[in-house]
Amino acid sequence: MVLNQAIKFAELSKNRVLTLNEENLKLQDKIVQIKLVNRAKWVLIRYLNMTENQAHKYIEQQAMERRVSKKKIAEKILKMYEH
């Protein structure tokens, strides 16, 4: 009886750790995306004289029109303007 409870508790703990690890990876990816988008915004501000708001809207609009992530758009912008 106690052994069964311990096994169930261990399984629940393992599942919770796996879920937290997945959430952690998603959050890390989100941080990378935010950093890339911010860098791309500053590139647009610098080279195309956009405001921060214009640069942000441009990236969002391109992502929506091309049906890709903002991260992909930011990567393309950075590749184009940063050597």
PDB file of N, CA and C in Angstrom:
ATOM      1  N   MET A   1       0.833  -1.191   0.000  1.00  0.00           N
ATOM      2  CA  MET A   1       0.000   0.000   0.000  1.00  0.00           C
ATOM      3  C   MET A   1       0.872   1.247   0.000  1.00  0.00           C
ATOM      4  N   VAL A   2       1.797   1.333   0.937  1.00  0.00           N
ATOM      5  CA  VAL A   2       2.691   2.495   1.014  1.00  0.00           C
ATOM      6  C   VAL A   2       3.592   2.540  -0.221  1.00  0.00           C
ATOM      7  N   LEU A   3       4.026   1.357  -0.662  1.00  0.00           N
ATOM      8  CA  LEU A   3       4.876   1.292  -1.854  1.00  0.00           C
ATOM      9  C   LEU A   3       4.126   1.802  -3.077  1.00  0.00           C
ATOM     10  N   ASN A   4       2.858   1.416  -3.224  1.00  0.00           N
ATOM     11  CA  ASN A   4       2.040   1.885  -4.351  1.00  0.00           C
ATOM     12  C   ASN A   4       1.884   3.401  -4.315  1.00  0.00           C
ATOM     13  N   GLN A   5       1.655   3.951  -3.137  1.00  0.00           N
ATOM     14  CA  GLN A   5       1.517   5.401  -3.005  1.00  0.00           C
ATOM     15  C   GLN A   5       2.835   6.100  -3.364  1.00  0.00           C
ATOM     16  N   ALA A   6       3.937   5.515  -2.943  1.00  0.00           N
ATOM     17  CA  ALA A   6       5.243   6.097  -3.253  1.00  0.00           C
ATOM     18  C   ALA A   6       5.507   6.065  -4.759  1.00  0.00           C
ATOM     19  N   ILE A   7       5.110   4.977  -5.400  1.00  0.00           N
ATOM     20  CA  ILE A   7       5.290   4.858  -6.854  1.00  0.00           C
ATOM     21  C   ILE A   7       4.418   5.879  -7.574  1.00  0.00           C
ATOM     22  N   LYS A   8       3.174   6.018  -7.154  1.00  0.00           N
ATOM     23  CA  LYS A   8       2.281   7.004  -7.767  1.00  0.00           C
ATOM     24  C   LYS A   8       2.811   8.420  -7.563  1.00  0.00           C
ATOM     25  N   PHE A   9       3.305   8.695  -6.383  1.00  0.00           N
ATOM     26  CA  PHE A   9       3.869  10.011  -6.105  1.00  0.00           C
ATOM     27  C   PHE A   9       5.089  10.277  -6.988  1.00  0.00           C
ATOM     28  N   ALA A  10       5.922   9.259  -7.165  1.00  0.00           N
ATOM     29  CA  ALA A  10       7.117   9.394  -8.010  1.00  0.00           C
ATOM     30  C   ALA A  10       6.722   9.652  -9.464  1.00  0.00           C
ATOM     31  N   GLU A  11       5.697   8.955  -9.944  1.00  0.00           N
ATOM     32  CA  GLU A  11       5.214   9.155 -11.313  1.00  0.00           C
ATOM     33  C   GLU A  11       4.662  10.570 -11.490  1.00  0.00           C
ATOM     34  N   LEU A  12       3.878  11.023 -10.528  1.00  0.00           N
ATOM     35  CA  LEU A  12       3.327  12.380 -10.587  1.00  0.00           C
ATOM     36  C   LEU A  12       4.447  13.423 -10.562  1.00  0.00           C
ATOM     37  N   SER A  13       5.429  13.188  -9.730  1.00  0.00           N
ATOM     38  CA  SER A  13       6.564  14.113  -9.647  1.00  0.00           C
ATOM     39  C   SER A  13       7.332  14.142 -10.964  1.00  0.00           C
ATOM     40  N   LYS A  14       7.546  12.987 -11.549  1.00  0.00           N
ATOM     41  CA  LYS A  14       8.250  12.904 -12.827  1.00  0.00           C
ATOM     42  C   LYS A  14       7.482  13.649 -13.911  1.00  0.00           C
ATOM     43  N   ASN A  15       6.176  13.450 -13.965  1.00  0.00           N
ATOM     44  CA  ASN A  15       5.344  14.137 -14.962  1.00  0.00           C
ATOM     45  C   ASN A  15       5.387  15.643 -14.765  1.00  0.00           C
ATOM     46  N   ARG A  16       5.375  16.066 -13.524  1.00  0.00           N
ATOM     47  CA  ARG A  16       5.422  17.512 -13.230  1.00  0.00           C
ATOM     48  C   ARG A  16       6.764  18.101 -13.665  1.00  0.00           C
ATOM     49  N   VAL A  17       7.839  17.391 -13.415  1.00  0.00           N
ATOM     50  CA  VAL A  17       9.171  17.857 -13.826  1.00  0.00           C
ATOM     51  C   VAL A  17       9.247  17.944 -15.352  1.00  0.00           C
ATOM     52  N   LEU A  18       8.716  16.951 -16.043  1.00  0.00           N
ATOM     53  CA  LEU A  18       8.718  16.969 -17.509  1.00  0.00           C
ATOM     54  C   LEU A  18       7.917  18.159 -18.041  1.00  0.00           C
ATOM     55  N   THR A  19       6.764  18.411 -17.437  1.00  0.00           N
ATOM     56  CA  THR A  19       5.937  19.550 -17.837  1.00  0.00           C
ATOM     57  C   THR A  19       6.678  20.860 -17.600  1.00  0.00           C
ATOM     58  N   LEU A  20       7.324  20.985 -16.462  1.00  0.00           N
ATOM     59  CA  LEU A  20       8.073  22.206 -16.164  1.00  0.00           C
ATOM     60  C   LEU A  20       9.253  22.386 -17.114  1.00  0.00           C
ATOM     61  N   ASN A  21       9.898  21.297 -17.488  1.00  0.00           N
ATOM     62  CA  ASN A  21      10.997  21.376 -18.453  1.00  0.00           C
ATOM     63  C   ASN A  21      10.501  21.859 -19.814  1.00  0.00           C
ATOM     64  N   GLU A  22       9.353  21.359 -20.243  1.00  0.00           N
ATOM     65  CA  GLU A  22       8.766  21.797 -21.510  1.00  0.00           C
ATOM     66  C   GLU A  22       8.425  23.286 -21.457  1.00  0.00           C
ATOM     67  N   GLU A  23       7.828  23.722 -20.369  1.00  0.00           N
ATOM     68  CA  GLU A  23       7.493  25.133 -20.206  1.00  0.00           C
ATOM     69  C   GLU A  23       8.755  25.986 -20.210  1.00  0.00           C
ATOM     70  N   ASN A  24       9.792  25.504 -19.565  1.00  0.00           N
ATOM     71  CA  ASN A  24      11.063  26.215 -19.515  1.00  0.00           C
ATOM     72  C   ASN A  24      11.646  26.389 -20.917  1.00  0.00           C
ATOM     73  N   LEU A  25      11.613  25.345 -21.722  1.00  0.00           N
ATOM     74  CA  LEU A  25      12.121  25.432 -23.088  1.00  0.00           C
ATOM     75  C   LEU A  25      11.324  26.425 -23.921  1.00  0.00           C
ATOM     76  N   LYS A  26      10.010  26.420 -23.749  1.00  0.00           N
ATOM     77  CA  LYS A  26       9.163  27.375 -24.474  1.00  0.00           C
ATOM     78  C   LYS A  26       9.493  28.809 -24.062  1.00  0.00           C
ATOM     79  N   LEU A  27       9.693  29.026 -22.779  1.00  0.00           N
ATOM     80  CA  LEU A  27      10.021  30.374 -22.300  1.00  0.00           C
ATOM     81  C   LEU A  27      11.394  30.817 -22.795  1.00  0.00           C
ATOM     82  N   GLN A  28      12.346  29.891 -22.822  1.00  0.00           N
ATOM     83  CA  GLN A  28      13.674  30.229 -23.337  1.00  0.00           C
ATOM     84  C   GLN A  28      13.598  30.614 -24.808  1.00  0.00           C
ATOM     85  N   ASP A  29      12.796  29.891 -25.585  1.00  0.00           N
ATOM     86  CA  ASP A  29      12.614  30.212 -26.999  1.00  0.00           C
ATOM     87  C   ASP A  29      11.953  31.581 -27.155  1.00  0.00           C
ATOM     88  N   LYS A  30      11.007  31.868 -26.303  1.00  0.00           N
ATOM     89  CA  LYS A  30      10.323  33.165 -26.335  1.00  0.00           C
ATOM     90  C   LYS A  30      11.306  34.298 -26.042  1.00  0.00           C
ATOM     91  N   ILE A  31      12.205  34.091 -25.090  1.00  0.00           N
ATOM     92  CA  ILE A  31      13.216  35.102 -24.762  1.00  0.00           C
ATOM     93  C   ILE A  31      14.125  35.338 -25.965  1.00  0.00           C
ATOM     94  N   VAL A  32      14.545  34.267 -26.619  1.00  0.00           N
ATOM     95  CA  VAL A  32      15.385  34.393 -27.811  1.00  0.00           C
ATOM     96  C   VAL A  32      14.646  35.184 -28.884  1.00  0.00           C
ATOM     97  N   GLN A  33      13.361  34.874 -29.070  1.00  0.00           N
ATOM     98  CA  GLN A  33      12.554  35.577 -30.069  1.00  0.00           C
ATOM     99  C   GLN A  33      12.470  37.061 -29.746  1.00  0.00           C
ATOM    100  N   ILE A  34      12.205  37.390 -28.510  1.00  0.00           N
ATOM    101  CA  ILE A  34      12.085  38.795 -28.107  1.00  0.00           C
ATOM    102  C   ILE A  34      13.391  39.535 -28.347  1.00  0.00           C
ATOM    103  N   LYS A  35      14.506  38.907 -27.994  1.00  0.00           N
ATOM    104  CA  LYS A  35      15.814  39.540 -28.202  1.00  0.00           C
ATOM    105  C   LYS A  35      16.080  39.783 -29.690  1.00  0.00           C
ATOM    106  N   LEU A  36      15.780  38.781 -30.526  1.00  0.00           N
ATOM    107  CA  LEU A  36      15.994  38.925 -31.963  1.00  0.00           C
ATOM    108  C   LEU A  36      15.111  40.018 -32.553  1.00  0.00           C
ATOM    109  N   VAL A  37      13.850  40.034 -32.151  1.00  0.00           N
ATOM    110  CA  VAL A  37      12.924  41.044 -32.658  1.00  0.00           C
ATOM    111  C   VAL A  37      13.384  42.435 -32.230  1.00  0.00           C
ATOM    112  N   ASN A  38      13.829  42.576 -31.002  1.00  0.00           N
ATOM    113  CA  ASN A  38      14.321  43.874 -30.539  1.00  0.00           C
ATOM    114  C   ASN A  38      15.550  44.316 -31.323  1.00  0.00           C
ATOM    115  N   ARG A  39      16.477  43.391 -31.567  1.00  0.00           N
ATOM    116  CA  ARG A  39      17.667  43.737 -32.367  1.00  0.00           C
ATOM    117  C   ARG A  39      17.266  44.152 -33.774  1.00  0.00           C
ATOM    118  N   ALA A  40      16.318  43.425 -34.353  1.00  0.00           N
ATOM    119  CA  ALA A  40      15.855  43.749 -35.708  1.00  0.00           C
ATOM    120  C   ALA A  40      15.152  45.105 -35.729  1.00  0.00           C
ATOM    121  N   LYS A  41      14.393  45.393 -34.694  1.00  0.00           N
ATOM    122  CA  LYS A  41      13.741  46.706 -34.627  1.00  0.00           C
ATOM    123  C   LYS A  41      14.777  47.812 -34.634  1.00  0.00           C
ATOM    124  N   TRP A  42      15.838  47.665 -33.848  1.00  0.00           N
ATOM    125  CA  TRP A  42      16.862  48.702 -33.776  1.00  0.00           C
ATOM    126  C   TRP A  42      17.616  48.824 -35.093  1.00  0.00           C
ATOM    127  N   VAL A  43      17.756  47.730 -35.831  1.00  0.00           N
ATOM    128  CA  VAL A  43      18.365  47.792 -37.157  1.00  0.00           C
ATOM    129  C   VAL A  43      17.473  48.605 -38.092  1.00  0.00           C
ATOM    130  N   LEU A  44      16.171  48.352 -38.051  1.00  0.00           N
ATOM    131  CA  LEU A  44      15.238  49.105 -38.888  1.00  0.00           C
ATOM    132  C   LEU A  44      15.230  50.581 -38.504  1.00  0.00           C
ATOM    133  N   ILE A  45      15.301  50.849 -37.230  1.00  0.00           N
ATOM    134  CA  ILE A  45      15.340  52.237 -36.756  1.00  0.00           C
ATOM    135  C   ILE A  45      16.607  52.924 -37.282  1.00  0.00           C
ATOM    136  N   ARG A  46      17.703  52.218 -37.197  1.00  0.00           N
ATOM    137  CA  ARG A  46      18.995  52.801 -37.592  1.00  0.00           C
ATOM    138  C   ARG A  46      19.103  52.999 -39.103  1.00  0.00           C
ATOM    139  N   TYR A  47      18.773  51.960 -39.879  1.00  0.00           N
ATOM    140  CA  TYR A  47      19.015  52.010 -41.317  1.00  0.00           C
ATOM    141  C   TYR A  47      17.847  52.562 -42.137  1.00  0.00           C
ATOM    142  N   LEU A  48      16.640  52.421 -41.633  1.00  0.00           N
ATOM    143  CA  LEU A  48      15.471  52.887 -42.393  1.00  0.00           C
ATOM    144  C   LEU A  48      14.761  54.056 -41.721  1.00  0.00           C
ATOM    145  N   ASN A  49      15.352  54.569 -40.666  1.00  0.00           N
ATOM    146  CA  ASN A  49      14.801  55.729 -39.946  1.00  0.00           C
ATOM    147  C   ASN A  49      13.349  55.533 -39.505  1.00  0.00           C
ATOM    148  N   MET A  50      13.017  54.319 -39.111  1.00  0.00           N
ATOM    149  CA  MET A  50      11.677  54.049 -38.586  1.00  0.00           C
ATOM    150  C   MET A  50      11.653  54.411 -37.108  1.00  0.00           C
ATOM    151  N   THR A  51      10.454  54.648 -36.614  1.00  0.00           N
ATOM    152  CA  THR A  51      10.293  54.761 -35.170  1.00  0.00           C
ATOM    153  C   THR A  51      10.244  53.342 -34.617  1.00  0.00           C
ATOM    154  N   GLU A  52      10.349  53.211 -33.304  1.00  0.00           N
ATOM    155  CA  GLU A  52      10.274  51.875 -32.712  1.00  0.00           C
ATOM    156  C   GLU A  52       8.916  51.244 -32.994  1.00  0.00           C
ATOM    157  N   ASN A  53       7.868  52.049 -32.901  1.00  0.00           N
ATOM    158  CA  ASN A  53       6.517  51.549 -33.158  1.00  0.00           C
ATOM    159  C   ASN A  53       6.365  51.100 -34.612  1.00  0.00           C
ATOM    160  N   GLN A  54       6.898  51.888 -35.553  1.00  0.00           N
ATOM    161  CA  GLN A  54       6.832  51.508 -36.967  1.00  0.00           C
ATOM    162  C   GLN A  54       7.597  50.209 -37.221  1.00  0.00           C
ATOM    163  N   ALA A  55       8.766  50.096 -36.626  1.00  0.00           N
ATOM    164  CA  ALA A  55       9.581  48.887 -36.807  1.00  0.00           C
ATOM    165  C   ALA A  55       8.859  47.662 -36.248  1.00  0.00           C
ATOM    166  N   HIS A  56       8.254  47.822 -35.080  1.00  0.00           N
ATOM    167  CA  HIS A  56       7.516  46.711 -34.464  1.00  0.00           C
ATOM    168  C   HIS A  56       6.352  46.291 -35.360  1.00  0.00           C
ATOM    169  N   LYS A  57       5.591  47.271 -35.835  1.00  0.00           N
ATOM    170  CA  LYS A  57       4.449  46.956 -36.706  1.00  0.00           C
ATOM    171  C   LYS A  57       4.907  46.321 -38.015  1.00  0.00           C
ATOM    172  N   TYR A  58       6.034  46.788 -38.537  1.00  0.00           N
ATOM    173  CA  TYR A  58       6.567  46.234 -39.779  1.00  0.00           C
ATOM    174  C   TYR A  58       6.887  44.749 -39.601  1.00  0.00           C
ATOM    175  N   ILE A  59       7.567  44.419 -38.529  1.00  0.00           N
ATOM    176  CA  ILE A  59       7.932  43.023 -38.272  1.00  0.00           C
ATOM    177  C   ILE A  59       6.681  42.169 -38.097  1.00  0.00           C
ATOM    178  N   GLU A  60       5.720  42.664 -37.329  1.00  0.00           N
ATOM    179  CA  GLU A  60       4.470  41.913 -37.141  1.00  0.00           C
ATOM    180  C   GLU A  60       3.743  41.717 -38.464  1.00  0.00           C
ATOM    181  N   GLN A  61       3.681  42.782 -39.259  1.00  0.00           N
ATOM    182  CA  GLN A  61       2.973  42.715 -40.533  1.00  0.00           C
ATOM    183  C   GLN A  61       3.645  41.731 -41.493  1.00  0.00           C
ATOM    184  N   GLN A  62       4.966  41.778 -41.573  1.00  0.00           N
ATOM    185  CA  GLN A  62       5.690  40.851 -42.437  1.00  0.00           C
ATOM    186  C   GLN A  62       5.474  39.404 -42.007  1.00  0.00           C
ATOM    187  N   ALA A  63       5.496  39.178 -40.705  1.00  0.00           N
ATOM    188  CA  ALA A  63       5.279  37.820 -40.190  1.00  0.00           C
ATOM    189  C   ALA A  63       3.886  37.323 -40.551  1.00  0.00           C
ATOM    190  N   MET A  64       2.900  38.210 -40.425  1.00  0.00           N
ATOM    191  CA  MET A  64       1.530  37.819 -40.722  1.00  0.00           C
ATOM    192  C   MET A  64       1.347  37.578 -42.221  1.00  0.00           C
ATOM    193  N   GLU A  65       1.868  38.478 -43.036  1.00  0.00           N
ATOM    194  CA  GLU A  65       1.702  38.336 -44.489  1.00  0.00           C
ATOM    195  C   GLU A  65       2.418  37.107 -45.026  1.00  0.00           C
ATOM    196  N   ARG A  66       3.593  36.823 -44.505  1.00  0.00           N
ATOM    197  CA  ARG A  66       4.382  35.685 -44.994  1.00  0.00           C
ATOM    198  C   ARG A  66       4.080  34.385 -44.265  1.00  0.00           C
ATOM    199  N   ARG A  67       3.250  34.501 -43.245  1.00  0.00           N
ATOM    200  CA  ARG A  67       2.861  33.337 -42.444  1.00  0.00           C
ATOM    201  C   ARG A  67       4.074  32.624 -41.843  1.00  0.00           C
ATOM    202  N   VAL A  68       4.962  33.421 -41.284  1.00  0.00           N
ATOM    203  CA  VAL A  68       6.116  32.890 -40.566  1.00  0.00           C
ATOM    204  C   VAL A  68       6.191  33.609 -39.221  1.00  0.00           C
ATOM    205  N   SER A  69       7.053  33.141 -38.369  1.00  0.00           N
ATOM    206  CA  SER A  69       7.174  33.742 -37.043  1.00  0.00           C
ATOM    207  C   SER A  69       7.893  35.089 -37.119  1.00  0.00           C
ATOM    208  N   LYS A  70       7.673  35.903 -36.112  1.00  0.00           N
ATOM    209  CA  LYS A  70       8.396  37.172 -36.005  1.00  0.00           C
ATOM    210  C   LYS A  70       9.892  36.900 -35.887  1.00  0.00           C
ATOM    211  N   LYS A  71      10.226  35.787 -35.279  1.00  0.00           N
ATOM    212  CA  LYS A  71      11.636  35.395 -35.135  1.00  0.00           C
ATOM    213  C   LYS A  71      12.286  35.228 -36.505  1.00  0.00           C
ATOM    214  N   LYS A  72      11.597  34.570 -37.440  1.00  0.00           N
ATOM    215  CA  LYS A  72      12.140  34.360 -38.784  1.00  0.00           C
ATOM    216  C   LYS A  72      12.315  35.690 -39.512  1.00  0.00           C
ATOM    217  N   ILE A  73      11.349  36.577 -39.372  1.00  0.00           N
ATOM    218  CA  ILE A  73      11.449  37.894 -40.007  1.00  0.00           C
ATOM    219  C   ILE A  73      12.627  38.652 -39.417  1.00  0.00           C
ATOM    220  N   ALA A  74      12.749  38.622 -38.106  1.00  0.00           N
ATOM    221  CA  ALA A  74      13.853  39.311 -37.441  1.00  0.00           C
ATOM    222  C   ALA A  74      15.192  38.756 -37.914  1.00  0.00           C
ATOM    223  N   GLU A  75      15.291  37.436 -38.043  1.00  0.00           N
ATOM    224  CA  GLU A  75      16.532  36.822 -38.515  1.00  0.00           C
ATOM    225  C   GLU A  75      16.875  37.293 -39.930  1.00  0.00           C
ATOM    226  N   LYS A  76      15.862  37.403 -40.802  1.00  0.00           N
ATOM    227  CA  LYS A  76      16.094  37.869 -42.172  1.00  0.00           C
ATOM    228  C   LYS A  76      16.552  39.324 -42.183  1.00  0.00           C
ATOM    229  N   ILE A  77      15.940  40.148 -41.355  1.00  0.00           N
ATOM    230  CA  ILE A  77      16.333  41.558 -41.271  1.00  0.00           C
ATOM    231  C   ILE A  77      17.775  41.667 -40.799  1.00  0.00           C
ATOM    232  N   LEU A  78      18.111  40.930 -39.747  1.00  0.00           N
ATOM    233  CA  LEU A  78      19.466  40.979 -39.224  1.00  0.00           C
ATOM    234  C   LEU A  78      20.488  40.475 -40.245  1.00  0.00           C
ATOM    235  N   LYS A  79      20.132  39.435 -40.958  1.00  0.00           N
ATOM    236  CA  LYS A  79      21.029  38.899 -41.977  1.00  0.00           C
ATOM    237  C   LYS A  79      21.250  39.918 -43.088  1.00  0.00           C
ATOM    238  N   MET A  80      20.202  40.653 -43.434  1.00  0.00           N
ATOM    239  CA  MET A  80      20.288  41.627 -44.518  1.00  0.00           C
ATOM    240  C   MET A  80      21.148  42.840 -44.138  1.00  0.00           C
ATOM    241  N   TYR A  81      21.022  43.318 -42.896  1.00  0.00           N
ATOM    242  CA  TYR A  81      21.671  44.564 -42.521  1.00  0.00           C
ATOM    243  C   TYR A  81      22.938  44.394 -41.690  1.00  0.00           C
ATOM    244  N   GLU A  82      23.084  43.288 -41.016  1.00  0.00           N
ATOM    245  CA  GLU A  82      24.284  43.064 -40.211  1.00  0.00           C
ATOM    246  C   GLU A  82      25.185  42.088 -40.947  1.00  0.00           C
ATOM    247  N   HIS A  83      26.431  42.423 -41.035  1.00  0.00           N
ATOM    248  CA  HIS A  83      27.353  41.580 -41.790  1.00  0.00           C
ATOM    249  C   HIS A  83      28.072  40.651 -40.873  1.00  0.00           C
TER     250      HIS A  83
END
